[in-house]
Amino acid sequence: MKNKNTNELQTTLKKKSFLVRLREEKYLQIMAILGVIWMLIFNYAPMYGLLIAFKKNYRITTPLFSIDFLKSAWAAKGGFNHFLNFFKDDEFVHIMTNTLGISIIKLFINFPLPIVFALLLNEVRNAKFKKFIQTVSYMPHFLSWVVLGGILTTWLGETGLFNEILIKLGVLKEGISYLAYPKFFWTIVIASDLWKELGWSAIIYLAAISSIDQEMYEAARVDGASRWKQIWTITLPSIAPTITIMFILAVGGLMSSNFDQIFVLYNPLNAPRSNTIDIYTYTTAMRSMRYSYASAIGLFKSVIAFIMLFIANQITKKLNDTSLF
């Protein structure tokens, strides 16, 4: 009986403390509620449209919330016909190779380099020079891929800047159009993505480095630790959780090959190496008007991305006890 009364008292106190905290944090709670409402409207409500992937042949003129849409025929084989057709498509292996090839190379090259850049930038002691390097490295991020695509197309053309430099150095006798050759496409995509996002991606690591207790560095210097030793034993372990979270997110994005970038650099000549799952989905929906088929491809991509995210999350949780969920 005594235990029962104690439990009831604890429950009452918890309810009161929750109500008190809710009243004290009412403005913060209102902001949080607005965020939840926004997420429900723009992130969860549109998921109703996933039904398109299971319909036989959706027409864009049919409203999603109409009776005609609900009564329209489902795709064959239990609604999964479009998914099966995509797996059987002659382009499937080719598309997945391009998508994962570009994304995995970006993961191995473009993911660690911002970390290295942040570590090196943190070691710069000249404040003016450091700010100059930061400004120069951040600037390309604020240019859209439409603008950068035009710049790259010009630079990589037959009479572009890149060819002029190589001709003057004696590497080439005459200019070539690099975007017309599939063998150059992946290199162009990876290098241009690094150029655009290197400085911006380093910001979060610089922020993590700035939060490290400076007394740790002072103690290390007293013990005679070199700069390299300080980076290896203090800086990297301190920002490891941040690196882990960013790595999980990067793995979750392997199925997305940066549509904007590839779309502006894509042309029929480099299609063998540039036709990724995003480009294929776009052309299927916008040019062929096969909306149900394109929706099925998009849903497939999202499911695979979630599986990759979940696996990466579980692995990092076991390795260093850091995870998203």
Protein backbone atom coordinates (compact mmCIF):
# COMPACT_ATOMS: atom_id res chain seq x y z
CA MET A 1 0.00 0.00 0.00
CA LYS A 2 2.87 2.31 0.92
CA ASN A 3 4.64 1.60 -2.38
CA LYS A 4 1.42 2.31 -4.28
CA ASN A 5 1.02 5.70 -2.59
CA THR A 6 4.68 6.50 -3.25
CA ASN A 7 4.31 5.70 -6.95
CA GLU A 8 1.17 7.82 -7.21
CA LEU A 9 2.96 10.71 -5.49
CA GLN A 10 5.92 10.45 -7.86
CA THR A 11 3.58 10.39 -10.88
CA THR A 12 1.75 13.49 -9.60
CA LEU A 13 5.03 15.34 -9.05
CA LYS A 14 6.22 14.43 -12.55
CA LYS A 15 2.97 15.75 -14.05
CA LYS A 16 3.24 18.97 -12.05
CA SER A 17 6.90 19.46 -12.98
CA PHE A 18 6.06 18.87 -16.65
CA LEU A 19 3.24 21.43 -16.54
CA VAL A 20 5.45 23.91 -14.71
CA ARG A 21 8.25 23.44 -17.24
CA LEU A 22 5.74 23.74 -20.08
CA ARG A 23 4.45 27.01 -18.68
CA GLU A 24 7.93 28.39 -18.08
CA GLU A 25 9.09 27.43 -21.59
CA LYS A 26 5.87 28.38 -23.38
CA TYR A 27 7.57 30.54 -26.03
CA LEU A 28 10.15 27.87 -26.76
CA GLN A 29 7.36 25.26 -26.96
CA ILE A 30 5.39 27.44 -29.39
CA MET A 31 8.46 27.67 -31.64
CA ALA A 32 8.88 23.90 -31.46
CA ILE A 33 5.20 23.31 -32.25
CA LEU A 34 5.44 25.58 -35.30
CA GLY A 35 8.41 23.52 -36.50
CA VAL A 36 6.47 20.29 -36.01
CA ILE A 37 3.48 21.70 -37.93
CA TRP A 38 5.77 22.79 -40.77
CA MET A 39 7.32 19.32 -40.90
CA LEU A 40 3.90 17.63 -40.94
CA ILE A 41 2.68 19.83 -43.80
CA PHE A 42 5.76 19.81 -46.01
CA ASN A 43 7.46 16.51 -45.12
CA TYR A 44 4.79 14.01 -44.10
CA ALA A 45 1.60 15.12 -45.89
CA PRO A 46 3.27 14.89 -49.35
CA MET A 47 4.08 11.22 -48.64
CA TYR A 48 0.47 10.52 -49.65
CA GLY A 49 1.70 11.10 -53.20
CA LEU A 50 3.80 7.91 -52.97
CA LEU A 51 0.65 6.10 -54.03
CA ILE A 52 1.47 7.27 -57.56
CA ALA A 53 4.29 4.70 -57.65
CA PHE A 54 1.76 1.89 -57.20
CA LYS A 55 -0.77 3.15 -59.76
CA LYS A 56 -0.88 1.74 -63.27
CA ASN A 57 -0.53 5.01 -65.19
CA TYR A 58 -0.99 8.24 -63.26
CA ARG A 59 -1.96 11.33 -65.26
CA ILE A 60 -0.82 14.72 -64.04
CA THR A 61 -4.28 16.16 -64.71
CA THR A 62 -5.81 13.88 -62.05
CA PRO A 63 -5.87 15.55 -58.59
CA LEU A 64 -4.28 13.40 -55.89
CA PHE A 65 -7.15 13.91 -53.44
CA SER A 66 -9.88 13.15 -55.95
CA ILE A 67 -12.12 10.08 -56.17
CA ASP A 68 -10.80 9.43 -59.68
CA PHE A 69 -7.27 9.01 -58.33
CA LEU A 70 -8.36 6.61 -55.58
CA LYS A 71 -10.42 4.55 -58.05
CA SER A 72 -7.72 4.49 -60.75
CA ALA A 73 -6.21 1.09 -61.54
CA TRP A 74 -3.30 -0.23 -59.50
CA ALA A 75 -0.16 -1.44 -61.22
CA ALA A 76 0.12 -5.15 -61.98
CA LYS A 77 1.77 -7.68 -59.67
CA GLY A 78 0.35 -6.24 -56.49
CA GLY A 79 1.24 -2.66 -57.40
CA PHE A 80 4.97 -3.41 -57.68
CA ASN A 81 5.11 -3.73 -61.47
CA HIS A 82 6.96 -0.42 -61.95
CA PHE A 83 9.65 -1.45 -59.46
CA LEU A 84 10.12 -4.81 -61.20
CA ASN A 85 10.28 -3.11 -64.59
CA PHE A 86 13.02 -0.80 -63.32
CA PHE A 87 15.08 -3.75 -62.08
CA LYS A 88 14.67 -5.40 -65.49
CA ASP A 89 15.49 -2.21 -67.40
CA ASP A 90 18.58 -2.45 -69.59
CA GLU A 91 19.78 0.83 -68.08
CA PHE A 92 19.49 -0.33 -64.44
CA VAL A 93 23.07 -1.58 -63.98
CA HIS A 94 24.45 1.36 -65.94
CA ILE A 95 22.47 3.91 -63.89
CA MET A 96 23.40 2.35 -60.53
CA THR A 97 27.06 2.16 -61.55
CA ASN A 98 27.15 5.87 -62.38
CA THR A 99 25.21 6.88 -59.28
CA LEU A 100 27.17 4.82 -56.76
CA GLY A 101 30.47 5.34 -58.58
CA ILE A 102 30.29 9.13 -58.34
CA SER A 103 28.90 9.09 -54.79
CA ILE A 104 31.41 6.60 -53.38
CA ILE A 105 34.39 8.45 -54.87
CA LYS A 106 33.02 11.68 -53.42
CA LEU A 107 32.70 9.94 -50.05
CA PHE A 108 36.33 8.78 -50.08
CA ILE A 109 37.79 12.04 -51.44
CA ASN A 110 35.42 14.95 -50.82
CA PHE A 111 34.39 13.86 -47.32
CA PRO A 112 37.81 13.72 -45.57
CA LEU A 113 39.38 16.72 -47.36
CA PRO A 114 37.21 19.35 -45.58
CA ILE A 115 38.35 17.78 -42.28
CA VAL A 116 42.00 18.08 -43.33
CA PHE A 117 41.36 21.64 -44.55
CA ALA A 118 39.76 22.59 -41.20
CA LEU A 119 42.70 21.10 -39.27
CA LEU A 120 45.22 22.97 -41.39
CA LEU A 121 43.27 26.21 -41.23
CA ASN A 122 43.08 25.93 -37.47
CA GLU A 123 46.88 25.85 -37.33
CA VAL A 124 47.22 29.17 -39.19
CA ARG A 125 48.29 31.82 -36.69
CA ASN A 126 48.12 34.87 -38.96
CA ALA A 127 44.53 36.11 -38.45
CA LYS A 128 44.34 38.19 -41.66
CA PHE A 129 45.67 35.38 -43.83
CA LYS A 130 43.30 32.93 -42.15
CA LYS A 131 40.28 35.15 -42.87
CA PHE A 132 41.42 35.58 -46.47
CA ILE A 133 41.68 31.81 -46.99
CA GLN A 134 38.27 31.29 -45.37
CA THR A 135 36.61 33.91 -47.57
CA VAL A 136 38.13 32.57 -50.78
CA SER A 137 37.19 28.97 -49.94
CA TYR A 138 33.61 29.85 -48.92
CA MET A 139 32.76 31.99 -51.96
CA PRO A 140 32.03 29.24 -54.52
CA HIS A 141 29.38 27.76 -52.22
CA PHE A 142 27.19 30.84 -52.68
CA LEU A 143 27.15 30.46 -56.46
CA SER A 144 24.42 28.21 -57.84
CA TRP A 145 25.30 25.25 -60.02
CA VAL A 146 23.63 27.06 -62.93
CA VAL A 147 26.28 29.77 -62.71
CA LEU A 148 29.14 27.38 -61.98
CA GLY A 149 27.94 25.07 -64.74
CA GLY A 150 28.22 27.92 -67.25
CA ILE A 151 31.70 28.80 -65.96
CA LEU A 152 32.88 25.18 -66.18
CA THR A 153 31.39 24.73 -69.64
CA THR A 154 33.33 27.78 -70.82
CA TRP A 155 36.59 26.84 -69.09
CA LEU A 156 36.46 23.25 -70.34
CA GLY A 157 35.54 24.12 -73.92
CA GLU A 158 37.93 23.80 -76.87
CA THR A 159 38.98 27.45 -76.57
CA GLY A 160 38.54 27.60 -72.80
CA LEU A 161 40.96 28.64 -70.08
CA PHE A 162 41.96 25.08 -69.18
CA ASN A 163 42.97 24.24 -72.75
CA GLU A 164 44.88 27.50 -73.15
CA ILE A 165 46.96 26.76 -70.07
CA LEU A 166 47.75 23.20 -71.20
CA ILE A 167 48.63 24.34 -74.72
CA LYS A 168 51.02 27.01 -73.40
CA LEU A 169 52.61 24.43 -71.11
CA GLY A 170 53.07 22.14 -74.09
CA VAL A 171 50.85 19.38 -72.70
CA LEU A 172 48.36 19.65 -75.60
CA LYS A 173 48.75 20.70 -79.22
CA GLU A 174 45.10 21.67 -79.66
CA GLY A 175 42.15 22.14 -77.35
CA ILE A 176 39.47 19.54 -76.72
CA SER A 177 35.96 19.78 -75.26
CA TYR A 178 36.26 17.84 -72.01
CA LEU A 179 32.53 17.62 -71.36
CA ALA A 180 32.14 15.80 -74.67
CA TYR A 181 34.21 12.85 -73.44
CA PRO A 182 32.58 10.46 -70.94
CA LYS A 183 35.97 9.42 -69.50
CA PHE A 184 36.50 12.92 -68.06
CA PHE A 185 33.03 13.38 -66.59
CA TRP A 186 33.48 11.79 -63.16
CA THR A 187 36.73 13.69 -62.60
CA ILE A 188 35.06 16.98 -63.55
CA VAL A 189 32.10 16.31 -61.25
CA ILE A 190 34.22 15.33 -58.24
CA ALA A 191 36.76 18.16 -58.69
CA SER A 192 34.09 20.84 -59.21
CA ASP A 193 32.09 19.62 -56.21
CA LEU A 194 35.23 19.82 -54.07
CA TRP A 195 35.99 23.31 -55.36
CA LYS A 196 32.49 24.51 -54.53
CA GLU A 197 31.97 22.89 -51.12
CA LEU A 198 35.43 22.46 -49.56
CA GLY A 199 35.42 25.66 -47.51
CA TRP A 200 31.75 25.51 -46.61
CA SER A 201 31.93 21.88 -45.48
CA ALA A 202 34.86 22.76 -43.23
CA ILE A 203 32.79 25.27 -41.21
CA ILE A 204 31.18 22.65 -39.00
CA TYR A 205 34.56 21.08 -38.21
CA LEU A 206 36.05 24.49 -37.42
CA ALA A 207 33.13 25.13 -35.08
CA ALA A 208 33.75 21.79 -33.37
CA ILE A 209 37.46 22.58 -33.05
CA SER A 210 36.76 26.00 -31.54
CA SER A 211 34.73 24.38 -28.74
CA ILE A 212 37.68 22.28 -27.55
CA ASP A 213 39.01 23.25 -24.13
CA GLN A 214 42.22 25.24 -24.74
CA GLU A 215 43.68 24.05 -21.44
CA MET A 216 44.15 20.63 -23.05
CA TYR A 217 46.47 22.17 -25.65
CA GLU A 218 48.34 24.12 -22.98
CA ALA A 219 48.91 20.95 -20.96
CA ALA A 220 50.07 19.13 -24.11
CA ARG A 221 52.56 21.92 -24.93
CA VAL A 222 53.90 21.80 -21.38
CA ASP A 223 54.49 18.07 -21.88
CA GLY A 224 56.41 18.85 -25.06
CA ALA A 225 53.81 17.66 -27.59
CA SER A 226 54.34 18.89 -31.15
CA ARG A 227 51.55 20.41 -33.24
CA TRP A 228 51.07 17.14 -35.07
CA LYS A 229 50.86 15.28 -31.75
CA GLN A 230 48.27 17.77 -30.49
CA ILE A 231 46.17 17.29 -33.62
CA TRP A 232 46.36 13.51 -33.37
CA THR A 233 45.75 13.17 -29.62
CA ILE A 234 43.47 16.15 -28.86
CA THR A 235 41.83 17.71 -31.93
CA LEU A 236 40.81 14.59 -33.85
CA PRO A 237 39.42 12.67 -30.81
CA SER A 238 37.51 15.79 -29.73
CA ILE A 239 35.79 16.27 -33.10
CA ALA A 240 35.30 12.53 -33.72
CA PRO A 241 31.55 12.64 -32.80
CA THR A 242 31.00 15.46 -35.33
CA ILE A 243 32.90 13.53 -38.01
CA THR A 244 30.83 10.43 -37.24
CA ILE A 245 27.50 12.23 -37.59
CA MET A 246 28.57 13.85 -40.87
CA PHE A 247 29.78 10.48 -42.14
CA ILE A 248 26.41 8.86 -41.37
CA LEU A 249 24.62 11.62 -43.28
CA ALA A 250 27.07 11.26 -46.18
CA VAL A 251 26.43 7.51 -46.39
CA GLY A 252 22.68 8.19 -46.35
CA GLY A 253 23.16 10.45 -49.36
CA LEU A 254 25.04 7.94 -51.51
CA MET A 255 22.00 7.42 -53.73
CA SER A 256 21.82 11.15 -54.44
CA SER A 257 24.48 12.26 -56.88
CA ASN A 258 23.75 16.03 -56.71
CA PHE A 259 21.12 16.45 -59.42
CA ASP A 260 21.75 20.19 -59.95
CA GLN A 261 25.44 19.70 -60.64
CA ILE A 262 25.07 16.77 -63.02
CA PHE A 263 22.07 18.28 -64.79
CA VAL A 264 23.97 21.43 -65.81
CA LEU A 265 27.02 19.41 -66.95
CA TYR A 266 25.02 16.64 -68.64
CA ASN A 267 24.85 16.31 -72.42
CA PRO A 268 24.16 13.41 -74.81
CA LEU A 269 27.87 12.94 -75.47
CA ASN A 270 28.81 12.28 -71.84
CA ALA A 271 25.57 10.39 -71.05
CA PRO A 272 27.35 7.02 -70.65
CA ARG A 273 28.98 8.34 -67.45
CA SER A 274 26.48 11.05 -66.43
CA ASN A 275 23.15 9.20 -66.59
CA THR A 276 22.56 8.77 -62.84
CA ILE A 277 19.36 7.71 -61.10
CA ASP A 278 18.35 11.36 -60.56
CA ILE A 279 18.82 12.24 -64.22
CA TYR A 280 17.01 9.08 -65.30
CA THR A 281 14.08 9.85 -63.00
CA TYR A 282 13.85 13.40 -64.33
CA THR A 283 13.92 12.39 -67.98
CA THR A 284 11.40 9.60 -67.36
CA ALA A 285 8.94 11.95 -65.67
CA MET A 286 9.41 15.21 -67.56
CA ARG A 287 10.16 13.95 -71.05
CA SER A 288 8.49 10.55 -71.25
CA MET A 289 5.68 11.59 -68.85
CA ARG A 290 5.77 8.18 -67.13
CA TYR A 291 4.95 9.62 -63.72
CA SER A 292 4.12 6.36 -61.96
CA TYR A 293 7.31 4.73 -63.18
CA ALA A 294 9.40 7.76 -62.18
CA SER A 295 7.75 7.84 -58.73
CA ALA A 296 8.61 4.16 -58.25
CA ILE A 297 12.26 4.89 -59.06
CA GLY A 298 12.30 7.80 -56.62
CA LEU A 299 10.74 5.65 -53.88
CA PHE A 300 13.26 2.89 -54.53
CA LYS A 301 16.10 5.40 -54.17
CA SER A 302 14.70 6.70 -50.88
CA VAL A 303 14.29 3.21 -49.41
CA ILE A 304 17.86 2.23 -50.30
CA ALA A 305 19.14 5.54 -48.88
CA PHE A 306 17.31 4.87 -45.59
CA ILE A 307 18.74 1.36 -45.38
CA MET A 308 22.25 2.71 -45.93
CA LEU A 309 21.67 5.40 -43.30
CA PHE A 310 20.41 2.82 -40.79
CA ILE A 311 23.35 0.46 -41.40
CA ALA A 312 25.90 3.28 -41.07
CA ASN A 313 24.17 4.46 -37.89
CA GLN A 314 24.28 1.01 -36.31
CA ILE A 315 27.92 0.45 -37.25
CA THR A 316 29.09 3.78 -35.80
CA LYS A 317 27.01 3.17 -32.67
CA LYS A 318 28.90 -0.06 -32.03
CA LEU A 319 32.31 1.31 -32.97
CA ASN A 320 32.40 4.59 -31.04
CA ASP A 321 28.96 4.88 -29.39
CA THR A 322 27.98 7.83 -31.60
CA SER A 323 24.81 7.75 -33.69
CA LEU A 324 21.90 9.77 -35.02
CA PHE A 325 19.29 7.60 -33.33
